[in-house]
Amino acid sequence: MNPMTLTDLIPILQLSVSPVILISGIGLILLSMTNRLGRVIDRARLLEQSLHGSPDTDRRRILAELRILSSRGSIVRAAIALAVLSVLLAVFLIFGLFLGALFGLPVVTALVVLFVLCMLCLVAALGLFLWDINLSLKALWLELPPESRGMV
């Protein structure tokens, strides 16, 4: 086996580092998702505190909103898990690209599977994220009078 030169190594590194852009993009999406989860948790705590001593009409509305917030928390948590899984798959993709190019291993099929799984996880995470946005509007509509709901 011939020793690898720096000139041989540079294209391999360039090839295997390119999915890092994907990881950075998903990282920004994760930042947004974790911020939404934090807001859901903060809002639920605030409503739970106001639940005690509220009149029955407010109590029903607060409980309905808490149910929506609970659903939203679960949805955002699942979206975060899928986005993190997508990042992990991208990391495995980087390892596979590097090791395959460095040692001439037949990894094309495995890399295609990793990339497809990475993209499927990302698409599912974004779908859940959109679902959470839809639910947040339902929670808002509970707080608004019926005549103003069409304005939002």
N, C-alpha and C. Protein backbone atom coordinates (compact mmCIF):
# COMPACT_ATOMS: atom_id res chain seq x y z
N MET A 1 0.84 -1.19 0.00
CA MET A 1 0.00 0.00 0.00
C MET A 1 0.88 1.24 0.00
N ASN A 2 0.58 2.15 -0.92
CA ASN A 2 1.34 3.38 -1.03
C ASN A 2 0.90 4.37 0.04
N PRO A 3 1.84 5.07 0.66
CA PRO A 3 1.42 6.07 1.65
C PRO A 3 0.66 7.21 0.95
N MET A 4 -0.35 7.69 1.63
CA MET A 4 -1.18 8.76 1.08
C MET A 4 -0.48 10.09 1.29
N THR A 5 -0.52 10.91 0.26
CA THR A 5 0.07 12.24 0.37
C THR A 5 -1.01 13.24 0.74
N LEU A 6 -0.59 14.40 1.11
CA LEU A 6 -1.53 15.46 1.46
C LEU A 6 -2.41 15.83 0.26
N THR A 7 -1.83 15.79 -0.90
CA THR A 7 -2.59 16.09 -2.12
C THR A 7 -3.69 15.06 -2.35
N ASP A 8 -3.45 13.81 -1.96
CA ASP A 8 -4.47 12.77 -2.07
C ASP A 8 -5.56 12.93 -1.01
N LEU A 9 -5.16 13.41 0.16
CA LEU A 9 -6.09 13.52 1.29
C LEU A 9 -7.06 14.70 1.17
N ILE A 10 -6.62 15.80 0.58
CA ILE A 10 -7.44 17.01 0.52
C ILE A 10 -8.79 16.78 -0.17
N PRO A 11 -8.85 16.14 -1.35
CA PRO A 11 -10.17 15.91 -1.96
C PRO A 11 -11.07 15.01 -1.12
N ILE A 12 -10.46 14.06 -0.40
CA ILE A 12 -11.24 13.18 0.47
C ILE A 12 -11.87 13.99 1.60
N LEU A 13 -11.09 14.88 2.19
CA LEU A 13 -11.60 15.74 3.27
C LEU A 13 -12.69 16.67 2.75
N GLN A 14 -12.48 17.23 1.56
CA GLN A 14 -13.49 18.12 0.98
C GLN A 14 -14.80 17.39 0.75
N LEU A 15 -14.71 16.17 0.25
CA LEU A 15 -15.91 15.38 0.00
C LEU A 15 -16.65 15.05 1.29
N SER A 16 -15.91 14.66 2.31
CA SER A 16 -16.56 14.21 3.53
C SER A 16 -17.03 15.34 4.43
N VAL A 17 -16.52 16.55 4.23
CA VAL A 17 -16.93 17.67 5.06
C VAL A 17 -18.16 18.38 4.48
N SER A 18 -18.50 18.16 3.24
CA SER A 18 -19.63 18.87 2.62
C SER A 18 -20.96 18.67 3.35
N PRO A 19 -21.27 17.50 3.95
CA PRO A 19 -22.55 17.40 4.69
C PRO A 19 -22.59 18.23 5.98
N VAL A 20 -21.48 18.86 6.34
CA VAL A 20 -21.48 19.71 7.54
C VAL A 20 -22.45 20.88 7.35
N ILE A 21 -22.62 21.33 6.11
CA ILE A 21 -23.58 22.40 5.83
C ILE A 21 -24.98 21.95 6.22
N LEU A 22 -25.30 20.70 5.93
CA LEU A 22 -26.59 20.13 6.32
C LEU A 22 -26.74 20.16 7.84
N ILE A 23 -25.70 19.78 8.54
CA ILE A 23 -25.73 19.77 10.01
C ILE A 23 -25.96 21.19 10.54
N SER A 24 -25.31 22.17 9.95
CA SER A 24 -25.49 23.56 10.39
C SER A 24 -26.93 24.03 10.17
N GLY A 25 -27.49 23.69 9.03
CA GLY A 25 -28.87 24.07 8.75
C GLY A 25 -29.85 23.43 9.72
N ILE A 26 -29.65 22.14 9.98
CA ILE A 26 -30.53 21.45 10.93
C ILE A 26 -30.34 22.03 12.33
N GLY A 27 -29.12 22.44 12.63
CA GLY A 27 -28.86 23.06 13.94
C GLY A 27 -29.69 24.32 14.13
N LEU A 28 -29.83 25.12 13.09
CA LEU A 28 -30.66 26.33 13.19
C LEU A 28 -32.13 25.98 13.36
N ILE A 29 -32.56 24.93 12.66
CA ILE A 29 -33.95 24.48 12.83
C ILE A 29 -34.16 23.99 14.26
N LEU A 30 -33.19 23.25 14.79
CA LEU A 30 -33.29 22.77 16.17
C LEU A 30 -33.37 23.93 17.16
N LEU A 31 -32.64 24.98 16.89
CA LEU A 31 -32.69 26.16 17.76
C LEU A 31 -34.11 26.72 17.80
N SER A 32 -34.73 26.81 16.66
CA SER A 32 -36.11 27.31 16.60
C SER A 32 -37.07 26.36 17.32
N MET A 33 -36.87 25.06 17.13
CA MET A 33 -37.75 24.07 17.77
C MET A 33 -37.61 24.11 19.30
N THR A 34 -36.39 24.20 19.79
CA THR A 34 -36.21 24.23 21.24
C THR A 34 -36.77 25.51 21.84
N ASN A 35 -36.70 26.61 21.09
CA ASN A 35 -37.32 27.85 21.57
C ASN A 35 -38.83 27.70 21.66
N ARG A 36 -39.43 27.05 20.67
CA ARG A 36 -40.89 26.83 20.71
C ARG A 36 -41.25 25.93 21.89
N LEU A 37 -40.45 24.89 22.13
CA LEU A 37 -40.73 24.00 23.25
C LEU A 37 -40.65 24.77 24.57
N GLY A 38 -39.67 25.63 24.69
CA GLY A 38 -39.55 26.45 25.90
C GLY A 38 -40.75 27.36 26.10
N ARG A 39 -41.25 27.92 25.03
CA ARG A 39 -42.43 28.79 25.13
C ARG A 39 -43.66 28.00 25.51
N VAL A 40 -43.79 26.78 24.98
CA VAL A 40 -44.92 25.91 25.35
C VAL A 40 -44.87 25.62 26.84
N ILE A 41 -43.70 25.27 27.33
CA ILE A 41 -43.54 24.92 28.75
C ILE A 41 -43.83 26.14 29.63
N ASP A 42 -43.29 27.29 29.25
CA ASP A 42 -43.53 28.51 30.04
C ASP A 42 -45.01 28.87 30.07
N ARG A 43 -45.67 28.78 28.92
CA ARG A 43 -47.10 29.10 28.86
C ARG A 43 -47.93 28.13 29.70
N ALA A 44 -47.58 26.84 29.64
CA ALA A 44 -48.31 25.84 30.42
C ALA A 44 -48.16 26.11 31.92
N ARG A 45 -46.97 26.47 32.34
CA ARG A 45 -46.76 26.78 33.76
C ARG A 45 -47.56 28.00 34.19
N LEU A 46 -47.60 29.00 33.34
CA LEU A 46 -48.35 30.21 33.64
C LEU A 46 -49.85 29.91 33.74
N LEU A 47 -50.37 29.13 32.80
CA LEU A 47 -51.79 28.78 32.83
C LEU A 47 -52.11 27.91 34.04
N GLU A 48 -51.23 27.01 34.37
CA GLU A 48 -51.47 26.12 35.52
C GLU A 48 -51.57 26.94 36.80
N GLN A 49 -50.76 27.98 36.92
CA GLN A 49 -50.82 28.84 38.10
C GLN A 49 -52.12 29.63 38.13
N SER A 50 -52.60 30.05 36.98
CA SER A 50 -53.84 30.84 36.95
C SER A 50 -55.08 29.97 37.06
N LEU A 51 -54.90 28.66 36.94
CA LEU A 51 -56.04 27.74 37.01
C LEU A 51 -56.68 27.75 38.40
N HIS A 52 -55.88 27.83 39.42
CA HIS A 52 -56.40 27.81 40.80
C HIS A 52 -57.12 29.11 41.11
N GLY A 53 -58.35 28.99 41.52
CA GLY A 53 -59.14 30.17 41.88
C GLY A 53 -59.82 30.83 40.70
N SER A 54 -59.79 30.22 39.53
CA SER A 54 -60.46 30.79 38.36
C SER A 54 -61.93 30.39 38.35
N PRO A 55 -62.80 31.26 37.81
CA PRO A 55 -64.21 30.87 37.65
C PRO A 55 -64.33 29.71 36.66
N ASP A 56 -65.45 28.99 36.71
CA ASP A 56 -65.64 27.79 35.89
C ASP A 56 -65.48 28.06 34.39
N THR A 57 -65.97 29.19 33.91
CA THR A 57 -65.85 29.48 32.47
C THR A 57 -64.39 29.62 32.07
N ASP A 58 -63.62 30.34 32.88
CA ASP A 58 -62.19 30.47 32.60
C ASP A 58 -61.47 29.14 32.79
N ARG A 59 -61.90 28.39 33.78
CA ARG A 59 -61.28 27.10 34.08
C ARG A 59 -61.39 26.14 32.89
N ARG A 60 -62.55 26.10 32.26
CA ARG A 60 -62.74 25.22 31.09
C ARG A 60 -61.81 25.64 29.94
N ARG A 61 -61.74 26.95 29.71
CA ARG A 61 -60.87 27.46 28.64
C ARG A 61 -59.41 27.16 28.95
N ILE A 62 -59.00 27.37 30.19
CA ILE A 62 -57.62 27.12 30.59
C ILE A 62 -57.28 25.63 30.44
N LEU A 63 -58.19 24.76 30.87
CA LEU A 63 -57.95 23.32 30.74
C LEU A 63 -57.86 22.90 29.26
N ALA A 64 -58.69 23.49 28.42
CA ALA A 64 -58.63 23.19 26.99
C ALA A 64 -57.30 23.64 26.40
N GLU A 65 -56.86 24.82 26.82
CA GLU A 65 -55.57 25.33 26.33
C GLU A 65 -54.41 24.48 26.86
N LEU A 66 -54.52 24.03 28.10
CA LEU A 66 -53.46 23.16 28.65
C LEU A 66 -53.39 21.84 27.90
N ARG A 67 -54.54 21.32 27.48
CA ARG A 67 -54.53 20.07 26.67
C ARG A 67 -53.81 20.30 25.35
N ILE A 68 -54.09 21.44 24.71
CA ILE A 68 -53.42 21.76 23.46
C ILE A 68 -51.93 21.94 23.68
N LEU A 69 -51.57 22.62 24.76
CA LEU A 69 -50.14 22.82 25.06
C LEU A 69 -49.43 21.49 25.32
N SER A 70 -50.12 20.58 25.98
CA SER A 70 -49.54 19.26 26.23
C SER A 70 -49.28 18.54 24.90
N SER A 71 -50.26 18.60 24.01
CA SER A 71 -50.08 18.00 22.68
C SER A 71 -48.94 18.67 21.94
N ARG A 72 -48.90 19.98 21.99
CA ARG A 72 -47.82 20.71 21.30
C ARG A 72 -46.46 20.32 21.85
N GLY A 73 -46.37 20.19 23.16
CA GLY A 73 -45.09 19.79 23.76
C GLY A 73 -44.63 18.43 23.25
N SER A 74 -45.56 17.49 23.17
CA SER A 74 -45.22 16.16 22.67
C SER A 74 -44.81 16.20 21.20
N ILE A 75 -45.52 17.00 20.42
CA ILE A 75 -45.21 17.11 18.99
C ILE A 75 -43.84 17.74 18.78
N VAL A 76 -43.57 18.83 19.49
CA VAL A 76 -42.27 19.49 19.33
C VAL A 76 -41.14 18.58 19.83
N ARG A 77 -41.39 17.85 20.91
CA ARG A 77 -40.37 16.91 21.39
C ARG A 77 -40.06 15.86 20.33
N ALA A 78 -41.08 15.33 19.67
CA ALA A 78 -40.87 14.34 18.61
C ALA A 78 -40.14 14.98 17.43
N ALA A 79 -40.49 16.23 17.09
CA ALA A 79 -39.80 16.93 16.00
C ALA A 79 -38.33 17.12 16.32
N ILE A 80 -38.04 17.48 17.57
CA ILE A 80 -36.64 17.66 17.98
C ILE A 80 -35.90 16.33 17.90
N ALA A 81 -36.52 15.26 18.35
CA ALA A 81 -35.88 13.94 18.29
C ALA A 81 -35.57 13.55 16.85
N LEU A 82 -36.50 13.79 15.94
CA LEU A 82 -36.26 13.46 14.54
C LEU A 82 -35.17 14.34 13.92
N ALA A 83 -35.14 15.61 14.30
CA ALA A 83 -34.09 16.50 13.78
C ALA A 83 -32.72 16.07 14.31
N VAL A 84 -32.65 15.69 15.57
CA VAL A 84 -31.38 15.21 16.13
C VAL A 84 -30.96 13.91 15.44
N LEU A 85 -31.90 13.02 15.21
CA LEU A 85 -31.60 11.79 14.48
C LEU A 85 -31.09 12.10 13.08
N SER A 86 -31.66 13.11 12.45
CA SER A 86 -31.19 13.53 11.14
C SER A 86 -29.73 14.00 11.20
N VAL A 87 -29.38 14.75 12.23
CA VAL A 87 -27.99 15.19 12.41
C VAL A 87 -27.08 13.99 12.61
N LEU A 88 -27.50 13.04 13.45
CA LEU A 88 -26.68 11.85 13.68
C LEU A 88 -26.46 11.06 12.39
N LEU A 89 -27.50 10.94 11.59
CA LEU A 89 -27.36 10.25 10.31
C LEU A 89 -26.41 11.01 9.38
N ALA A 90 -26.44 12.34 9.42
CA ALA A 90 -25.51 13.13 8.62
C ALA A 90 -24.07 12.92 9.09
N VAL A 91 -23.88 12.78 10.40
CA VAL A 91 -22.54 12.50 10.93
C VAL A 91 -22.05 11.13 10.46
N PHE A 92 -22.93 10.13 10.50
CA PHE A 92 -22.56 8.81 9.98
C PHE A 92 -22.27 8.88 8.48
N LEU A 93 -22.99 9.73 7.78
CA LEU A 93 -22.75 9.94 6.36
C LEU A 93 -21.34 10.49 6.14
N ILE A 94 -20.94 11.44 6.97
CA ILE A 94 -19.59 12.01 6.87
C ILE A 94 -18.54 10.93 7.13
N PHE A 95 -18.74 10.14 8.19
CA PHE A 95 -17.80 9.04 8.46
C PHE A 95 -17.72 8.09 7.28
N GLY A 96 -18.87 7.73 6.75
CA GLY A 96 -18.90 6.80 5.62
C GLY A 96 -18.21 7.36 4.39
N LEU A 97 -18.46 8.62 4.07
CA LEU A 97 -17.79 9.26 2.93
C LEU A 97 -16.28 9.26 3.12
N PHE A 98 -15.85 9.64 4.30
CA PHE A 98 -14.41 9.72 4.59
C PHE A 98 -13.75 8.35 4.54
N LEU A 99 -14.33 7.40 5.25
CA LEU A 99 -13.73 6.07 5.30
C LEU A 99 -13.80 5.36 3.94
N GLY A 100 -14.92 5.53 3.24
CA GLY A 100 -15.06 4.93 1.91
C GLY A 100 -14.03 5.48 0.94
N ALA A 101 -13.85 6.80 0.94
CA ALA A 101 -12.88 7.42 0.03
C ALA A 101 -11.45 7.12 0.46
N LEU A 102 -11.21 7.10 1.75
CA LEU A 102 -9.84 6.88 2.26
C LEU A 102 -9.37 5.45 1.99
N PHE A 103 -10.22 4.48 2.25
CA PHE A 103 -9.82 3.08 2.13
C PHE A 103 -10.39 2.39 0.90
N GLY A 104 -11.11 3.11 0.06
CA GLY A 104 -11.68 2.52 -1.15
C GLY A 104 -12.72 1.45 -0.86
N LEU A 105 -13.49 1.66 0.21
CA LEU A 105 -14.52 0.68 0.59
C LEU A 105 -15.77 0.85 -0.27
N PRO A 106 -16.47 -0.24 -0.55
CA PRO A 106 -17.71 -0.14 -1.33
C PRO A 106 -18.89 0.27 -0.43
N VAL A 107 -19.05 1.56 -0.23
CA VAL A 107 -20.05 2.06 0.73
C VAL A 107 -21.17 2.84 0.07
N VAL A 108 -21.26 2.79 -1.25
CA VAL A 108 -22.23 3.63 -1.96
C VAL A 108 -23.65 3.35 -1.50
N THR A 109 -24.03 2.10 -1.42
CA THR A 109 -25.40 1.76 -1.02
C THR A 109 -25.69 2.23 0.40
N ALA A 110 -24.75 2.00 1.29
CA ALA A 110 -24.93 2.43 2.69
C ALA A 110 -25.05 3.96 2.76
N LEU A 111 -24.26 4.67 1.96
CA LEU A 111 -24.32 6.13 1.99
C LEU A 111 -25.64 6.65 1.43
N VAL A 112 -26.15 5.99 0.39
CA VAL A 112 -27.45 6.39 -0.16
C VAL A 112 -28.54 6.18 0.89
N VAL A 113 -28.50 5.03 1.58
CA VAL A 113 -29.50 4.75 2.62
C VAL A 113 -29.40 5.78 3.74
N LEU A 114 -28.18 6.09 4.18
CA LEU A 114 -28.00 7.09 5.24
C LEU A 114 -28.55 8.45 4.81
N PHE A 115 -28.26 8.84 3.57
CA PHE A 115 -28.74 10.15 3.10
C PHE A 115 -30.26 10.19 3.02
N VAL A 116 -30.86 9.13 2.49
CA VAL A 116 -32.32 9.08 2.37
C VAL A 116 -32.97 9.10 3.76
N LEU A 117 -32.43 8.33 4.69
CA LEU A 117 -32.97 8.32 6.06
C LEU A 117 -32.81 9.69 6.72
N CYS A 118 -31.68 10.33 6.48
CA CYS A 118 -31.43 11.67 7.02
C CYS A 118 -32.48 12.65 6.52
N MET A 119 -32.75 12.61 5.22
CA MET A 119 -33.73 13.52 4.63
C MET A 119 -35.16 13.19 5.09
N LEU A 120 -35.47 11.90 5.21
CA LEU A 120 -36.81 11.52 5.70
C LEU A 120 -37.04 12.00 7.13
N CYS A 121 -36.03 11.86 7.97
CA CYS A 121 -36.14 12.35 9.36
C CYS A 121 -36.33 13.86 9.37
N LEU A 122 -35.60 14.56 8.52
CA LEU A 122 -35.72 16.01 8.46
C LEU A 122 -37.11 16.42 7.98
N VAL A 123 -37.61 15.77 6.94
CA VAL A 123 -38.95 16.08 6.43
C VAL A 123 -40.01 15.81 7.50
N ALA A 124 -39.89 14.68 8.20
CA ALA A 124 -40.85 14.36 9.26
C ALA A 124 -40.78 15.39 10.38
N ALA A 125 -39.57 15.80 10.75
CA ALA A 125 -39.42 16.82 11.80
C ALA A 125 -40.07 18.13 11.39
N LEU A 126 -39.88 18.52 10.15
CA LEU A 126 -40.49 19.77 9.67
C LEU A 126 -42.01 19.64 9.58
N GLY A 127 -42.50 18.47 9.23
CA GLY A 127 -43.95 18.25 9.22
C GLY A 127 -44.55 18.39 10.61
N LEU A 128 -43.88 17.82 11.60
CA LEU A 128 -44.34 17.97 12.98
C LEU A 128 -44.27 19.42 13.44
N PHE A 129 -43.24 20.11 12.98
CA PHE A 129 -43.09 21.52 13.31
C PHE A 129 -44.28 22.33 12.78
N LEU A 130 -44.70 22.04 11.55
CA LEU A 130 -45.87 22.71 10.98
C LEU A 130 -47.14 22.35 11.75
N TRP A 131 -47.25 21.12 12.18
CA TRP A 131 -48.41 20.69 12.97
C TRP A 131 -48.48 21.49 14.26
N ASP A 132 -47.31 21.70 14.89
CA ASP A 132 -47.26 22.49 16.13
C ASP A 132 -47.73 23.92 15.86
N ILE A 133 -47.31 24.48 14.75
CA ILE A 133 -47.73 25.85 14.42
C ILE A 133 -49.25 25.92 14.27
N ASN A 134 -49.83 24.91 13.64
CA ASN A 134 -51.29 24.85 13.49
C ASN A 134 -51.97 24.76 14.86
N LEU A 135 -51.45 23.92 15.74
CA LEU A 135 -52.04 23.79 17.08
C LEU A 135 -51.90 25.08 17.89
N SER A 136 -50.82 25.82 17.67
CA SER A 136 -50.65 27.07 18.42
C SER A 136 -51.75 28.06 18.05
N LEU A 137 -52.21 28.02 16.80
CA LEU A 137 -53.33 28.89 16.42
C LEU A 137 -54.62 28.45 17.09
N LYS A 138 -54.82 27.14 17.23
CA LYS A 138 -56.02 26.66 17.93
C LYS A 138 -56.04 27.15 19.37
N ALA A 139 -54.88 27.13 20.01
CA ALA A 139 -54.80 27.63 21.39
C ALA A 139 -55.09 29.13 21.44
N LEU A 140 -54.59 29.85 20.45
CA LEU A 140 -54.86 31.30 20.40
C LEU A 140 -56.35 31.56 20.22
N TRP A 141 -57.00 30.78 19.38
CA TRP A 141 -58.43 30.97 19.13
C TRP A 141 -59.27 30.75 20.37
N LEU A 142 -58.77 29.94 21.31
CA LEU A 142 -59.50 29.75 22.57
C LEU A 142 -59.54 31.04 23.38
N GLU A 143 -58.52 31.86 23.21
CA GLU A 143 -58.43 33.10 23.98
C GLU A 143 -59.18 34.26 23.33
N LEU A 144 -59.40 34.18 22.01
CA LEU A 144 -60.01 35.29 21.29
C LEU A 144 -61.53 35.13 21.24
N PRO A 145 -62.23 36.24 21.20
CA PRO A 145 -63.69 36.15 21.00
C PRO A 145 -63.96 35.59 19.60
N PRO A 146 -65.05 34.85 19.43
CA PRO A 146 -65.34 34.20 18.14
C PRO A 146 -65.35 35.16 16.94
N GLU A 147 -65.81 36.38 17.13
CA GLU A 147 -65.89 37.31 16.00
C GLU A 147 -64.53 37.78 15.50
N SER A 148 -63.48 37.65 16.30
CA SER A 148 -62.15 38.12 15.87
C SER A 148 -61.26 36.98 15.37
N ARG A 149 -61.73 35.76 15.37
CA ARG A 149 -60.89 34.62 14.99
C ARG A 149 -60.49 34.65 13.52
N GLY A 150 -61.30 35.13 12.66
CA GLY A 150 -60.97 35.15 11.24
C GLY A 150 -59.89 36.16 10.90
N MET A 151 -59.62 37.09 11.82
CA MET A 151 -58.62 38.13 11.57
C MET A 151 -57.21 37.61 11.74
N VAL A 152 -57.02 36.50 12.46
CA VAL A 152 -55.68 35.99 12.74
C VAL A 152 -55.27 35.01 11.69
